[in-house]
Every structure is written in structure tokens, then in C-alpha cells.
């Protein structure tokens, strides 16, 4: 039986931060240098709307999505372990944890869809996927903030997560409300990504785009709050290969730790 363990789980958070940070800022720098976006706070997706930065943006977002799925699954296992130590009869933790797992995977999958359909080519698909990503992850924040208030052994962590969740909700409202106001007011024939102060609806779009950047950083910060629990956790997995079978075909069994 092959036995393996992974104790330095916190490293996955910093890997996500590095890749996600590159996905946010590298396409913006390239697009700005080539004059494809204005310096007046473009939307994140506008920075990755044209090639070659679109390819970099999509690739890094897909990698970020897969890393986030690992983090979401590890967080699920950590909560399961903590809840079993606190109360084996309380089903609240298990329910909230399962809902959060589904919401987290939905958010990560929507991020992949958003990366696959650039905003300049498939605007409605891209915007729908972006909305699903943000809303599902906010609900994921809400679930784990609730879990933390009931379960966390670190008194400051639940308060920090609650603050991040509240700020994320405000950012979501600003993105939606001012984005709609900007689209209603916009009369220029130029692409929104190249907006200038003289354009109607400019201020609305700046507020909406600024809120989107803040929300992206809040998502990263929320993941980082998992570091305290992950520092004290070790992931064990076992692999058993059965070589003797009637048909002579090897079978692989995953035995839970």
C-alpha cells in the first residue's frame, strides 16, 4: 500500500496568489503599453480582451481556477475534520460545508467559462460567467463565514472573514448598479475599454470597474484567511493496488484516511 502525505498545505494559497495576481496585472500592463485600454481603471476582462494579452489572461485564469478548486476541496476537508472534533451530532457544519463546496466549484467553473469567451467576442456569455463567478464566490464566503462564527478556534479569523464578506457584497452592488448606469449613459462610439473623462457615463464605469478590482483582491484575501487552519492540517492519502484478481486485472482502491 502506497502512503503519502502533504503537510505544507499553506503553500497552495501563495501559489494561487501568485498566479491570480499575474492574471490580473500582466494582461493590463501589456494592453496599456499597446494602447488597447485607457489608464482610467478598465474592467479586468477588458485588459484581456485582445491578443496577445487575451491568451495570457485566459491561460492564467484557467490555472487559477484549478488551483482554487484544490483550495476549496482542502477547506472542505478541514471543516469536516474540525466539526467532527467539536460535535459529531451537529449537522449544521456538514450542510453548510457541502453547500459551500458546490458554490466554490460553480464559481471556479464559471471562471473557466469566462476565460474561454473574451468580452469582445462573446460579451453576453462572458458577462454571465463573470456574474456567476462573483455571486457564487460571495455565497461561498457567506457560508464559510457562518461556519467560522460557529467553529473557528481563532477568534480574529471569523471577524476578518465577516468584514471581507460585507465588503464583497458592497463591491458586488457597486459593480452591478454603476455598470448598468454606465451602459445607459454611454453614447460614445469608442470601445468602453478606451474610455476618457469626456465620455458620458465615464464616472459610472470607473466606479464599477474599481469595485471589480477590489472584489478580486477581496477574493484573494479571503483565501489567505484559510492559512491558519491549513498550517495545522496534513493531507493523507493511501493507494492500494490489488494484484490478484480472478480476471487478472489490477484494481485500484482509494482508502480514506
Protein backbone atom coordinates (compact mmCIF):
# COMPACT_ATOMS: atom_id res chain seq x y z
CA UNK A 1 0.00 0.00 0.00
CA UNK A 2 1.42 3.39 -1.03
CA UNK A 3 1.10 6.05 1.67
CA UNK A 4 1.58 9.74 1.04
CA UNK A 5 1.03 12.94 2.98
CA UNK A 6 1.19 16.66 2.35
CA UNK A 7 1.71 18.87 5.39
CA UNK A 8 2.69 22.20 3.81
CA UNK A 9 -0.81 22.94 2.54
CA UNK A 10 -0.48 26.68 3.05
CA UNK A 11 1.84 26.88 0.05
CA UNK A 12 -1.12 26.34 -2.27
CA UNK A 13 -2.54 29.68 -1.11
CA UNK A 14 0.59 31.57 -2.09
CA UNK A 15 0.70 29.72 -5.42
CA UNK A 16 -2.86 30.83 -6.10
CA UNK A 17 -2.00 34.40 -5.11
CA UNK A 18 0.98 34.48 -7.48
CA UNK A 19 -0.89 33.05 -10.48
CA UNK A 20 -4.06 35.06 -9.85
CA UNK A 21 -2.02 38.24 -9.40
CA UNK A 22 -0.25 37.63 -12.71
CA UNK A 23 -3.64 37.05 -14.38
CA UNK A 24 -4.84 40.43 -13.15
CA UNK A 25 -1.85 42.66 -13.80
CA UNK A 26 0.24 41.20 -16.67
CA UNK A 27 -2.54 41.50 -19.31
CA UNK A 28 -3.33 45.02 -18.10
CA UNK A 29 0.29 46.13 -18.45
CA UNK A 30 0.55 44.67 -21.97
CA UNK A 31 -2.79 46.14 -23.07
CA UNK A 32 -1.92 49.56 -21.64
CA UNK A 33 1.51 49.66 -23.28
CA UNK A 34 -0.09 48.83 -26.64
CA UNK A 35 -2.84 51.42 -26.17
CA UNK A 36 -5.72 48.94 -26.11
CA UNK A 37 -7.04 50.12 -22.74
CA UNK A 38 -7.05 53.51 -21.07
CA UNK A 39 -5.34 54.14 -17.72
CA UNK A 40 -8.70 55.08 -16.20
CA UNK A 41 -9.42 51.80 -14.38
CA UNK A 42 -10.58 49.40 -17.10
CA UNK A 43 -12.55 46.31 -16.17
CA UNK A 44 -10.31 43.30 -15.51
CA UNK A 45 -11.72 41.48 -18.53
CA UNK A 46 -11.05 44.48 -20.79
CA UNK A 47 -7.33 44.06 -20.12
CA UNK A 48 -7.52 40.55 -21.58
CA UNK A 49 -9.85 41.28 -24.46
CA UNK A 50 -7.30 41.39 -27.30
CA UNK A 51 -4.39 39.23 -28.32
CA UNK A 52 -1.69 38.54 -27.26
CA UNK A 53 -2.77 39.51 -23.74
CA UNK A 54 -6.05 37.59 -24.18
CA UNK A 55 -4.13 34.31 -24.40
CA UNK A 56 -2.09 35.10 -21.29
CA UNK A 57 -5.23 36.20 -19.43
CA UNK A 58 -7.18 33.07 -20.30
CA UNK A 59 -4.33 30.67 -19.54
CA UNK A 60 -3.60 32.17 -16.14
CA UNK A 61 -7.29 32.31 -15.24
CA UNK A 62 -7.75 28.62 -16.05
CA UNK A 63 -4.70 27.72 -13.93
CA UNK A 64 -6.07 29.92 -11.13
CA UNK A 65 -9.39 28.12 -11.38
CA UNK A 66 -7.83 24.68 -10.97
CA UNK A 67 -5.73 25.84 -8.01
CA UNK A 68 -8.80 27.41 -6.41
CA UNK A 69 -10.64 24.09 -6.73
CA UNK A 70 -7.85 22.39 -4.79
CA UNK A 71 -8.08 25.07 -2.08
CA UNK A 72 -11.87 24.76 -1.93
CA UNK A 73 -11.64 20.98 -1.56
CA UNK A 74 -8.92 21.22 1.11
CA UNK A 75 -11.04 23.74 3.02
CA UNK A 76 -13.96 21.33 2.83
CA UNK A 77 -11.84 18.56 4.37
CA UNK A 78 -10.52 20.88 7.10
CA UNK A 79 -14.04 21.89 8.14
CA UNK A 80 -15.13 18.25 8.14
CA UNK A 81 -12.23 17.41 10.45
CA UNK A 82 -12.86 20.33 12.81
CA UNK A 83 -16.61 19.71 13.00
CA UNK A 84 -16.08 16.03 13.86
CA UNK A 85 -13.94 17.10 16.83
CA UNK A 86 -16.47 19.65 18.08
CA UNK A 87 -19.75 17.79 17.66
CA UNK A 88 -20.47 14.58 15.80
CA UNK A 89 -24.24 15.07 16.07
CA UNK A 90 -24.43 18.62 14.71
CA UNK A 91 -25.38 18.54 11.02
CA UNK A 92 -25.22 22.32 10.52
CA UNK A 93 -21.49 22.27 9.77
CA UNK A 94 -21.78 19.43 7.29
CA UNK A 95 -24.68 21.06 5.44
CA UNK A 96 -23.05 24.49 5.17
CA UNK A 97 -19.74 22.89 4.22
CA UNK A 98 -21.36 20.85 1.43
CA UNK A 99 -23.22 23.88 0.09
CA UNK A 100 -20.01 25.90 0.15
CA UNK A 101 -18.18 23.13 -1.74
CA UNK A 102 -20.78 23.20 -4.54
CA UNK A 103 -20.77 27.00 -4.69
CA UNK A 104 -16.98 27.09 -4.79
CA UNK A 105 -16.79 24.61 -7.66
CA UNK A 106 -19.52 26.53 -9.54
CA UNK A 107 -17.52 29.73 -9.13
CA UNK A 108 -14.33 28.08 -10.38
CA UNK A 109 -16.09 26.53 -13.37
CA UNK A 110 -17.67 29.90 -14.26
CA UNK A 111 -14.19 31.41 -14.16
CA UNK A 112 -13.06 28.92 -16.81
CA UNK A 113 -16.07 29.80 -18.99
CA UNK A 114 -15.31 33.49 -18.56
CA UNK A 115 -11.70 32.89 -19.63
CA UNK A 116 -12.80 30.88 -22.68
CA UNK A 117 -15.09 33.62 -24.04
CA UNK A 118 -13.37 37.05 -24.24
CA UNK A 119 -15.59 40.04 -23.58
CA UNK A 120 -15.03 41.48 -27.08
CA UNK A 121 -16.08 38.26 -28.85
CA UNK A 122 -18.92 36.90 -26.70
CA UNK A 123 -19.98 39.72 -24.40
CA UNK A 124 -23.16 38.17 -23.01
CA UNK A 125 -21.60 34.77 -22.31
CA UNK A 126 -18.56 36.41 -20.73
CA UNK A 127 -20.59 38.76 -18.54
CA UNK A 128 -22.94 35.97 -17.44
CA UNK A 129 -20.00 33.77 -16.46
CA UNK A 130 -18.34 36.70 -14.66
CA UNK A 131 -21.54 37.37 -12.74
CA UNK A 132 -21.85 33.70 -11.77
CA UNK A 133 -18.22 33.67 -10.61
CA UNK A 134 -18.68 36.69 -8.36
CA UNK A 135 -22.10 35.76 -6.96
CA UNK A 136 -21.20 32.11 -6.27
CA UNK A 137 -17.97 33.08 -4.57
CA UNK A 138 -19.73 35.68 -2.42
CA UNK A 139 -22.17 32.98 -1.30
CA UNK A 140 -19.15 30.73 -0.68
CA UNK A 141 -17.71 33.48 1.54
CA UNK A 142 -21.04 33.75 3.36
CA UNK A 143 -21.17 30.01 4.09
CA UNK A 144 -17.62 29.81 5.40
CA UNK A 145 -18.03 33.00 7.41
CA UNK A 146 -21.04 31.39 9.07
CA UNK A 147 -19.06 28.21 9.67
CA UNK A 148 -16.20 30.24 11.14
CA UNK A 149 -18.51 32.06 13.56
CA UNK A 150 -19.68 28.67 14.84
CA UNK A 151 -16.49 26.67 14.63
CA UNK A 152 -13.27 28.66 14.40
CA UNK A 153 -10.70 28.32 17.16
CA UNK A 154 -9.07 31.60 16.08
CA UNK A 155 -11.21 34.48 17.43
CA UNK A 156 -9.99 37.08 14.93
CA UNK A 157 -10.49 35.00 11.79
CA UNK A 158 -14.34 34.97 11.84
CA UNK A 159 -14.42 38.76 12.26
CA UNK A 160 -11.99 39.22 9.38
CA UNK A 161 -13.98 36.91 7.13
CA UNK A 162 -17.20 38.68 8.05
CA UNK A 163 -15.62 42.03 7.15
CA UNK A 164 -14.38 40.65 3.82
CA UNK A 165 -17.83 39.21 3.04
CA UNK A 166 -19.57 42.52 3.81
CA UNK A 167 -17.09 44.48 1.67
CA UNK A 168 -17.54 41.93 -1.13
CA UNK A 169 -21.31 42.38 -1.03
CA UNK A 170 -20.91 46.16 -1.27
CA UNK A 171 -18.46 45.72 -4.17
CA UNK A 172 -20.94 43.45 -5.97
CA UNK A 173 -23.67 46.07 -5.64
CA UNK A 174 -21.37 48.81 -6.95
CA UNK A 175 -20.31 46.68 -9.91
CA UNK A 176 -23.90 45.94 -10.91
CA UNK A 177 -25.55 49.31 -10.23
CA UNK A 178 -22.88 51.58 -11.65
CA UNK A 179 -22.21 49.21 -14.54
CA UNK A 180 -25.86 49.45 -15.59
CA UNK A 181 -25.85 53.24 -15.14
CA UNK A 182 -22.70 53.46 -17.23
CA UNK A 183 -24.16 51.39 -20.08
CA UNK A 184 -27.32 53.54 -20.06
CA UNK A 185 -25.32 56.78 -20.15
CA UNK A 186 -22.69 55.65 -22.66
CA UNK A 187 -23.06 57.38 -26.03
CA UNK A 188 -19.54 57.25 -27.44
CA UNK A 189 -18.77 55.02 -30.44
CA UNK A 190 -15.42 54.02 -28.99
CA UNK A 191 -14.90 50.82 -27.03
CA UNK A 192 -15.56 51.16 -23.30
CA UNK A 193 -12.08 49.93 -22.50
CA UNK A 194 -10.63 53.10 -24.01
CA UNK A 195 -12.93 55.47 -22.09
CA UNK A 196 -11.77 59.00 -21.28
CA UNK A 197 -13.15 61.56 -18.78
CA UNK A 198 -15.04 63.42 -21.52
CA UNK A 199 -17.27 60.41 -22.26
CA UNK A 200 -20.78 60.26 -20.85
CA UNK A 201 -21.02 57.51 -18.29
CA UNK A 202 -17.28 57.65 -17.62
CA UNK A 203 -17.64 58.15 -13.86
CA UNK A 204 -20.13 55.28 -13.57
CA UNK A 205 -17.81 52.88 -15.37
CA UNK A 206 -14.82 53.95 -13.27
CA UNK A 207 -16.71 53.24 -10.03
CA UNK A 208 -17.95 49.88 -11.34
CA UNK A 209 -14.53 48.79 -12.62
CA UNK A 210 -12.81 49.93 -9.41
CA UNK A 211 -15.25 47.83 -7.40
CA UNK A 212 -14.44 44.83 -9.62
CA UNK A 213 -10.71 45.15 -8.91
CA UNK A 214 -11.43 45.49 -5.19
CA UNK A 215 -13.64 42.37 -5.29
CA UNK A 216 -10.86 40.37 -6.98
CA UNK A 217 -8.43 41.37 -4.24
CA UNK A 218 -11.02 40.52 -1.57
CA UNK A 219 -11.38 37.03 -3.05
CA UNK A 220 -7.63 36.57 -2.80
CA UNK A 221 -7.63 37.90 0.77
CA UNK A 222 -10.45 35.54 1.77
CA UNK A 223 -8.46 32.55 0.55
CA UNK A 224 -5.45 33.76 2.53
CA UNK A 225 -7.51 33.64 5.74
CA UNK A 226 -7.54 29.85 5.35
CA UNK A 227 -3.81 29.80 6.14
CA UNK A 228 -4.27 29.45 9.91
CA UNK A 229 -6.28 26.24 9.63
CA UNK A 230 -4.15 24.82 6.81
CA UNK A 231 -0.95 25.31 8.82
CA UNK A 232 -2.14 22.75 11.35
CA UNK A 233 -3.55 20.30 8.80
CA UNK A 234 -1.92 17.39 6.96
CA UNK A 235 -3.45 15.75 3.93
CA UNK A 236 -3.02 11.94 3.92
CA UNK A 237 -3.95 9.66 1.06
CA UNK A 238 -3.48 5.98 0.52
CA UNK A 239 -3.34 3.91 -2.65
CA UNK A 240 -3.90 0.16 -2.59
CA UNK A 241 -3.22 -1.92 -5.70
CA UNK A 242 -4.81 -5.38 -5.72
CA UNK A 243 -2.64 -7.55 -7.98
CA UNK A 244 -4.54 -10.80 -7.51
CA UNK A 245 -7.94 -10.84 -9.16
CA UNK A 246 -9.83 -13.63 -10.93
CA UNK A 247 -9.63 -11.88 -14.26
CA UNK A 248 -6.02 -10.92 -13.75
CA UNK A 249 -6.79 -7.18 -13.97
CA UNK A 250 -5.30 -4.91 -11.29
CA UNK A 251 -7.77 -2.86 -9.25
CA UNK A 252 -7.05 0.44 -7.52
CA UNK A 253 -8.87 1.35 -4.31
CA UNK A 254 -8.78 4.73 -2.58
CA UNK A 255 -8.90 4.18 1.18
CA UNK A 256 -9.91 7.28 3.20
CA UNK A 257 -7.57 8.34 5.95
